[in-house]
Amino acid sequence: MQPMPIPHVDHCHKTGEIRGILCGNCNPGLGRFFDSPPLLRRAAGYLLQAENSADETFCGDAGC
C-alpha cells in the first residue's frame, strides 16, 4: 500500500490567492512552468509527439 500523498495548497504567484489543493508533484510542477498554460501545452505537445514517434530517434524542442 502506498502512503497517501501530502496535499499542497496551490496559490497564484501574482495575486497570492489560493487556487486549490494539489498533490506534491503537481504543485511544484506548475511552478516550474511559471503557471503558464502555453508552456504546459508545448510540453504536452512534445510528449505526445515523442510518444507518436517512438520508433524514431527524436530530440525535440519543448520550448524551454
PDB file of N, CA and C in Angstrom:
ATOM      1  N   MET A   1       0.844  -1.180   0.000  1.00  0.00           N
ATOM      2  CA  MET A   1       0.000   0.000   0.000  1.00  0.00           C
ATOM      3  C   MET A   1       0.888   1.241   0.000  1.00  0.00           C
ATOM      4  N   GLN A   2       0.588   2.170  -0.913  1.00  0.00           N
ATOM      5  CA  GLN A   2       1.361   3.403  -0.992  1.00  0.00           C
ATOM      6  C   GLN A   2       0.843   4.402   0.026  1.00  0.00           C
ATOM      7  N   PRO A   3       1.757   5.213   0.575  1.00  0.00           N
ATOM      8  CA  PRO A   3       1.309   6.248   1.527  1.00  0.00           C
ATOM      9  C   PRO A   3       0.471   7.305   0.810  1.00  0.00           C
ATOM     10  N   MET A   4      -0.438   7.903   1.547  1.00  0.00           N
ATOM     11  CA  MET A   4      -1.271   8.973   0.994  1.00  0.00           C
ATOM     12  C   MET A   4      -0.389  10.178   0.688  1.00  0.00           C
ATOM     13  N   PRO A   5      -0.555  10.768  -0.500  1.00  0.00           N
ATOM     14  CA  PRO A   5       0.244  11.958  -0.822  1.00  0.00           C
ATOM     15  C   PRO A   5      -0.137  13.122   0.089  1.00  0.00           C
ATOM     16  N   ILE A   6       0.850  13.922   0.406  1.00  0.00           N
ATOM     17  CA  ILE A   6       0.609  15.096   1.240  1.00  0.00           C
ATOM     18  C   ILE A   6       0.017  16.189   0.364  1.00  0.00           C
ATOM     19  N   PRO A   7      -1.152  16.715   0.720  1.00  0.00           N
ATOM     20  CA  PRO A   7      -1.745  17.780  -0.088  1.00  0.00           C
ATOM     21  C   PRO A   7      -0.968  19.088   0.059  1.00  0.00           C
ATOM     22  N   HIS A   8      -0.908  19.821  -1.023  1.00  0.00           N
ATOM     23  CA  HIS A   8      -0.227  21.109  -1.045  1.00  0.00           C
ATOM     24  C   HIS A   8      -1.232  22.189  -1.437  1.00  0.00           C
ATOM     25  N   VAL A   9      -1.172  23.319  -0.774  1.00  0.00           N
ATOM     26  CA  VAL A   9      -2.031  24.446  -1.100  1.00  0.00           C
ATOM     27  C   VAL A   9      -1.407  25.188  -2.278  1.00  0.00           C
ATOM     28  N   ASP A  10      -2.136  25.265  -3.371  1.00  0.00           N
ATOM     29  CA  ASP A  10      -1.664  25.967  -4.565  1.00  0.00           C
ATOM     30  C   ASP A  10      -2.168  27.404  -4.524  1.00  0.00           C
ATOM     31  N   HIS A  11      -1.299  28.327  -4.892  1.00  0.00           N
ATOM     32  CA  HIS A  11      -1.704  29.735  -4.909  1.00  0.00           C
ATOM     33  C   HIS A  11      -1.158  30.423  -6.156  1.00  0.00           C
ATOM     34  N   CYS A  12      -1.814  31.503  -6.538  1.00  0.00           N
ATOM     35  CA  CYS A  12      -1.382  32.327  -7.658  1.00  0.00           C
ATOM     36  C   CYS A  12      -0.200  33.181  -7.201  1.00  0.00           C
ATOM     37  N   HIS A  13       0.897  33.138  -7.939  1.00  0.00           N
ATOM     38  CA  HIS A  13       2.066  33.910  -7.551  1.00  0.00           C
ATOM     39  C   HIS A  13       1.903  35.404  -7.810  1.00  0.00           C
ATOM     40  N   LYS A  14       0.959  35.766  -8.668  1.00  0.00           N
ATOM     41  CA  LYS A  14       0.712  37.183  -8.930  1.00  0.00           C
ATOM     42  C   LYS A  14      -0.159  37.817  -7.862  1.00  0.00           C
ATOM     43  N   THR A  15      -1.244  37.111  -7.491  1.00  0.00           N
ATOM     44  CA  THR A  15      -2.217  37.694  -6.561  1.00  0.00           C
ATOM     45  C   THR A  15      -2.098  37.163  -5.144  1.00  0.00           C
ATOM     46  N   GLY A  16      -1.478  35.996  -4.996  1.00  0.00           N
ATOM     47  CA  GLY A  16      -1.388  35.361  -3.692  1.00  0.00           C
ATOM     48  C   GLY A  16      -2.646  34.584  -3.313  1.00  0.00           C
ATOM     49  N   GLU A  17      -3.670  34.625  -4.175  1.00  0.00           N
ATOM     50  CA  GLU A  17      -4.918  33.933  -3.887  1.00  0.00           C
ATOM     51  C   GLU A  17      -4.746  32.419  -3.989  1.00  0.00           C
ATOM     52  N   ILE A  18      -5.398  31.698  -3.095  1.00  0.00           N
ATOM     53  CA  ILE A  18      -5.377  30.248  -3.119  1.00  0.00           C
ATOM     54  C   ILE A  18      -6.265  29.765  -4.262  1.00  0.00           C
ATOM     55  N   ARG A  19      -5.702  28.830  -5.071  1.00  0.00           N
ATOM     56  CA  ARG A  19      -6.454  28.294  -6.209  1.00  0.00           C
ATOM     57  C   ARG A  19      -7.046  26.932  -5.900  1.00  0.00           C
ATOM     58  N   GLY A  20      -6.398  26.189  -5.017  1.00  0.00           N
ATOM     59  CA  GLY A  20      -6.902  24.856  -4.708  1.00  0.00           C
ATOM     60  C   GLY A  20      -5.846  24.012  -4.028  1.00  0.00           C
ATOM     61  N   ILE A  21      -6.140  22.724  -3.937  1.00  0.00           N
ATOM     62  CA  ILE A  21      -5.238  21.755  -3.314  1.00  0.00           C
ATOM     63  C   ILE A  21      -4.716  20.829  -4.406  1.00  0.00           C
ATOM     64  N   LEU A  22      -3.407  20.645  -4.436  1.00  0.00           N
ATOM     65  CA  LEU A  22      -2.764  19.762  -5.410  1.00  0.00           C
ATOM     66  C   LEU A  22      -1.857  18.771  -4.693  1.00  0.00           C
ATOM     67  N   CYS A  23      -1.453  17.739  -5.399  1.00  0.00           N
ATOM     68  CA  CYS A  23      -0.503  16.791  -4.823  1.00  0.00           C
ATOM     69  C   CYS A  23       0.901  17.400  -4.826  1.00  0.00           C
ATOM     70  N   GLY A  24       1.804  16.749  -4.142  1.00  0.00           N
ATOM     71  CA  GLY A  24       3.171  17.231  -4.005  1.00  0.00           C
ATOM     72  C   GLY A  24       3.983  17.196  -5.278  1.00  0.00           C
ATOM     73  N   ASN A  25       3.502  16.517  -6.315  1.00  0.00           N
ATOM     74  CA  ASN A  25       4.179  16.535  -7.611  1.00  0.00           C
ATOM     75  C   ASN A  25       3.645  17.654  -8.495  1.00  0.00           C
ATOM     76  N   CYS A  26       2.329  17.804  -8.526  1.00  0.00           N
ATOM     77  CA  CYS A  26       1.719  18.789  -9.420  1.00  0.00           C
ATOM     78  C   CYS A  26       1.994  20.229  -8.996  1.00  0.00           C
ATOM     79  N   ASN A  27       1.972  20.497  -7.705  1.00  0.00           N
ATOM     80  CA  ASN A  27       2.142  21.877  -7.242  1.00  0.00           C
ATOM     81  C   ASN A  27       3.495  22.465  -7.675  1.00  0.00           C
ATOM     82  N   PRO A  28       4.615  21.833  -7.360  1.00  0.00           N
ATOM     83  CA  PRO A  28       5.882  22.418  -7.835  1.00  0.00           C
ATOM     84  C   PRO A  28       6.045  22.294  -9.346  1.00  0.00           C
ATOM     85  N   GLY A  29       5.390  21.294  -9.965  1.00  0.00           N
ATOM     86  CA  GLY A  29       5.460  21.155 -11.418  1.00  0.00           C
ATOM     87  C   GLY A  29       4.890  22.365 -12.114  1.00  0.00           C
ATOM     88  N   LEU A  30       3.740  22.847 -11.634  1.00  0.00           N
ATOM     89  CA  LEU A  30       3.150  24.050 -12.220  1.00  0.00           C
ATOM     90  C   LEU A  30       4.085  25.240 -12.049  1.00  0.00           C
ATOM     91  N   GLY A  31       4.712  25.341 -10.902  1.00  0.00           N
ATOM     92  CA  GLY A  31       5.650  26.436 -10.646  1.00  0.00           C
ATOM     93  C   GLY A  31       6.836  26.402 -11.583  1.00  0.00           C
ATOM     94  N   ARG A  32       7.288  25.204 -11.922  1.00  0.00           N
ATOM     95  CA  ARG A  32       8.432  25.084 -12.829  1.00  0.00           C
ATOM     96  C   ARG A  32       8.082  25.524 -14.249  1.00  0.00           C
ATOM     97  N   PHE A  33       6.792  25.534 -14.546  1.00  0.00           N
ATOM     98  CA  PHE A  33       6.328  26.040 -15.836  1.00  0.00           C
ATOM     99  C   PHE A  33       5.796  27.459 -15.706  1.00  0.00           C
ATOM    100  N   PHE A  34       6.115  28.107 -14.610  1.00  0.00           N
ATOM    101  CA  PHE A  34       5.757  29.515 -14.366  1.00  0.00           C
ATOM    102  C   PHE A  34       4.247  29.756 -14.487  1.00  0.00           C
ATOM    103  N   ASP A  35       3.441  28.729 -14.125  1.00  0.00           N
ATOM    104  CA  ASP A  35       1.976  28.826 -14.197  1.00  0.00           C
ATOM    105  C   ASP A  35       1.513  29.251 -15.587  1.00  0.00           C
ATOM    106  N   SER A  36       2.238  28.849 -16.614  1.00  0.00           N
ATOM    107  CA  SER A  36       1.975  29.287 -17.983  1.00  0.00           C
ATOM    108  C   SER A  36       1.268  28.195 -18.790  1.00  0.00           C
ATOM    109  N   PRO A  37      -0.027  28.368 -19.086  1.00  0.00           N
ATOM    110  CA  PRO A  37      -0.701  27.387 -19.945  1.00  0.00           C
ATOM    111  C   PRO A  37      -0.010  27.181 -21.299  1.00  0.00           C
ATOM    112  N   PRO A  38       0.498  28.238 -21.971  1.00  0.00           N
ATOM    113  CA  PRO A  38       1.188  27.985 -23.242  1.00  0.00           C
ATOM    114  C   PRO A  38       2.417  27.088 -23.080  1.00  0.00           C
ATOM    115  N   LEU A  39       3.196  27.278 -22.026  1.00  0.00           N
ATOM    116  CA  LEU A  39       4.361  26.410 -21.814  1.00  0.00           C
ATOM    117  C   LEU A  39       3.932  24.983 -21.516  1.00  0.00           C
ATOM    118  N   LEU A  40       2.894  24.812 -20.715  1.00  0.00           N
ATOM    119  CA  LEU A  40       2.398  23.476 -20.410  1.00  0.00           C
ATOM    120  C   LEU A  40       1.874  22.784 -21.661  1.00  0.00           C
ATOM    121  N   ARG A  41       1.185  23.533 -22.536  1.00  0.00           N
ATOM    122  CA  ARG A  41       0.692  22.950 -23.787  1.00  0.00           C
ATOM    123  C   ARG A  41       1.855  22.523 -24.677  1.00  0.00           C
ATOM    124  N   ARG A  42       2.904  23.332 -24.738  1.00  0.00           N
ATOM    125  CA  ARG A  42       4.072  22.972 -25.558  1.00  0.00           C
ATOM    126  C   ARG A  42       4.744  21.722 -25.019  1.00  0.00           C
ATOM    127  N   ALA A  43       4.854  21.628 -23.693  1.00  0.00           N
ATOM    128  CA  ALA A  43       5.458  20.438 -23.084  1.00  0.00           C
ATOM    129  C   ALA A  43       4.596  19.207 -23.354  1.00  0.00           C
ATOM    130  N   ALA A  44       3.275  19.350 -23.240  1.00  0.00           N
ATOM    131  CA  ALA A  44       2.375  18.229 -23.527  1.00  0.00           C
ATOM    132  C   ALA A  44       2.495  17.823 -24.990  1.00  0.00           C
ATOM    133  N   GLY A  45       2.570  18.796 -25.891  1.00  0.00           N
ATOM    134  CA  GLY A  45       2.737  18.502 -27.309  1.00  0.00           C
ATOM    135  C   GLY A  45       4.025  17.751 -27.579  1.00  0.00           C
ATOM    136  N   TYR A  46       5.070  18.131 -26.905  1.00  0.00           N
ATOM    137  CA  TYR A  46       6.358  17.446 -27.039  1.00  0.00           C
ATOM    138  C   TYR A  46       6.217  15.984 -26.626  1.00  0.00           C
ATOM    139  N   LEU A  47       5.571  15.740 -25.474  1.00  0.00           N
ATOM    140  CA  LEU A  47       5.401  14.369 -25.009  1.00  0.00           C
ATOM    141  C   LEU A  47       4.539  13.555 -25.968  1.00  0.00           C
ATOM    142  N   LEU A  48       3.480  14.160 -26.486  1.00  0.00           N
ATOM    143  CA  LEU A  48       2.616  13.461 -27.436  1.00  0.00           C
ATOM    144  C   LEU A  48       3.356  13.150 -28.731  1.00  0.00           C
ATOM    145  N   GLN A  49       4.152  14.095 -29.207  1.00  0.00           N
ATOM    146  CA  GLN A  49       4.914  13.873 -30.442  1.00  0.00           C
ATOM    147  C   GLN A  49       5.943  12.771 -30.225  1.00  0.00           C
ATOM    148  N   ALA A  50       6.616  12.787 -29.094  1.00  0.00           N
ATOM    149  CA  ALA A  50       7.623  11.764 -28.802  1.00  0.00           C
ATOM    150  C   ALA A  50       6.958  10.397 -28.677  1.00  0.00           C
ATOM    151  N   GLU A  51       5.761  10.362 -28.094  1.00  0.00           N
ATOM    152  CA  GLU A  51       5.017   9.113 -27.961  1.00  0.00           C
ATOM    153  C   GLU A  51       4.627   8.562 -29.325  1.00  0.00           C
ATOM    154  N   ASN A  52       4.225   9.448 -30.230  1.00  0.00           N
ATOM    155  CA  ASN A  52       3.793   9.037 -31.561  1.00  0.00           C
ATOM    156  C   ASN A  52       4.953   8.643 -32.466  1.00  0.00           C
ATOM    157  N   SER A  53       6.157   9.079 -32.141  1.00  0.00           N
ATOM    158  CA  SER A  53       7.315   8.739 -32.976  1.00  0.00           C
ATOM    159  C   SER A  53       8.290   7.887 -32.176  1.00  0.00           C
ATOM    160  N   ALA A  54       7.761   6.939 -31.402  1.00  0.00           N
ATOM    161  CA  ALA A  54       8.589   6.108 -30.536  1.00  0.00           C
ATOM    162  C   ALA A  54       9.594   5.269 -31.323  1.00  0.00           C
ATOM    163  N   ASP A  55       9.300   4.996 -32.587  1.00  0.00           N
ATOM    164  CA  ASP A  55      10.203   4.186 -33.398  1.00  0.00           C
ATOM    165  C   ASP A  55      11.383   4.995 -33.924  1.00  0.00           C
ATOM    166  N   GLU A  56      11.309   6.308 -33.840  1.00  0.00           N
ATOM    167  CA  GLU A  56      12.356   7.175 -34.359  1.00  0.00           C
ATOM    168  C   GLU A  56      13.180   7.740 -33.217  1.00  0.00           C
ATOM    169  N   THR A  57      14.409   8.055 -33.512  1.00  0.00           N
ATOM    170  CA  THR A  57      15.221   8.798 -32.550  1.00  0.00           C
ATOM    171  C   THR A  57      14.797  10.248 -32.644  1.00  0.00           C
ATOM    172  N   PHE A  58      14.330  10.806 -31.539  1.00  0.00           N
ATOM    173  CA  PHE A  58      13.772  12.157 -31.567  1.00  0.00           C
ATOM    174  C   PHE A  58      14.329  12.988 -30.439  1.00  0.00           C
ATOM    175  N   CYS A  59      14.839  14.115 -30.776  1.00  0.00           N
ATOM    176  CA  CYS A  59      15.254  15.081 -29.783  1.00  0.00           C
ATOM    177  C   CYS A  59      14.555  16.385 -30.145  1.00  0.00           C
ATOM    178  N   GLY A  60      13.452  16.658 -29.456  1.00  0.00           N
ATOM    179  CA  GLY A  60      12.616  17.788 -29.842  1.00  0.00           C
ATOM    180  C   GLY A  60      12.852  19.024 -29.007  1.00  0.00           C
ATOM    181  N   ASP A  61      12.064  20.020 -29.294  1.00  0.00           N
ATOM    182  CA  ASP A  61      12.111  21.295 -28.591  1.00  0.00           C
ATOM    183  C   ASP A  61      10.797  21.491 -27.867  1.00  0.00           C
ATOM    184  N   ALA A  62      10.831  21.415 -26.531  1.00  0.00           N
ATOM    185  CA  ALA A  62       9.634  21.623 -25.736  1.00  0.00           C
ATOM    186  C   ALA A  62       9.410  23.104 -25.464  1.00  0.00           C
ATOM    187  N   GLY A  63      10.231  23.942 -26.032  1.00  0.00           N
ATOM    188  CA  GLY A  63      10.039  25.387 -25.868  1.00  0.00           C
ATOM    189  C   GLY A  63      10.771  25.967 -24.683  1.00  0.00           C
ATOM    190  N   CYS A  64      11.728  25.231 -24.154  1.00  0.00           N
ATOM    191  CA  CYS A  64      12.469  25.720 -22.984  1.00  0.00           C
ATOM    192  C   CYS A  64      13.472  26.781 -23.355  1.00  0.00           C
TER     193      CYS A  64
END
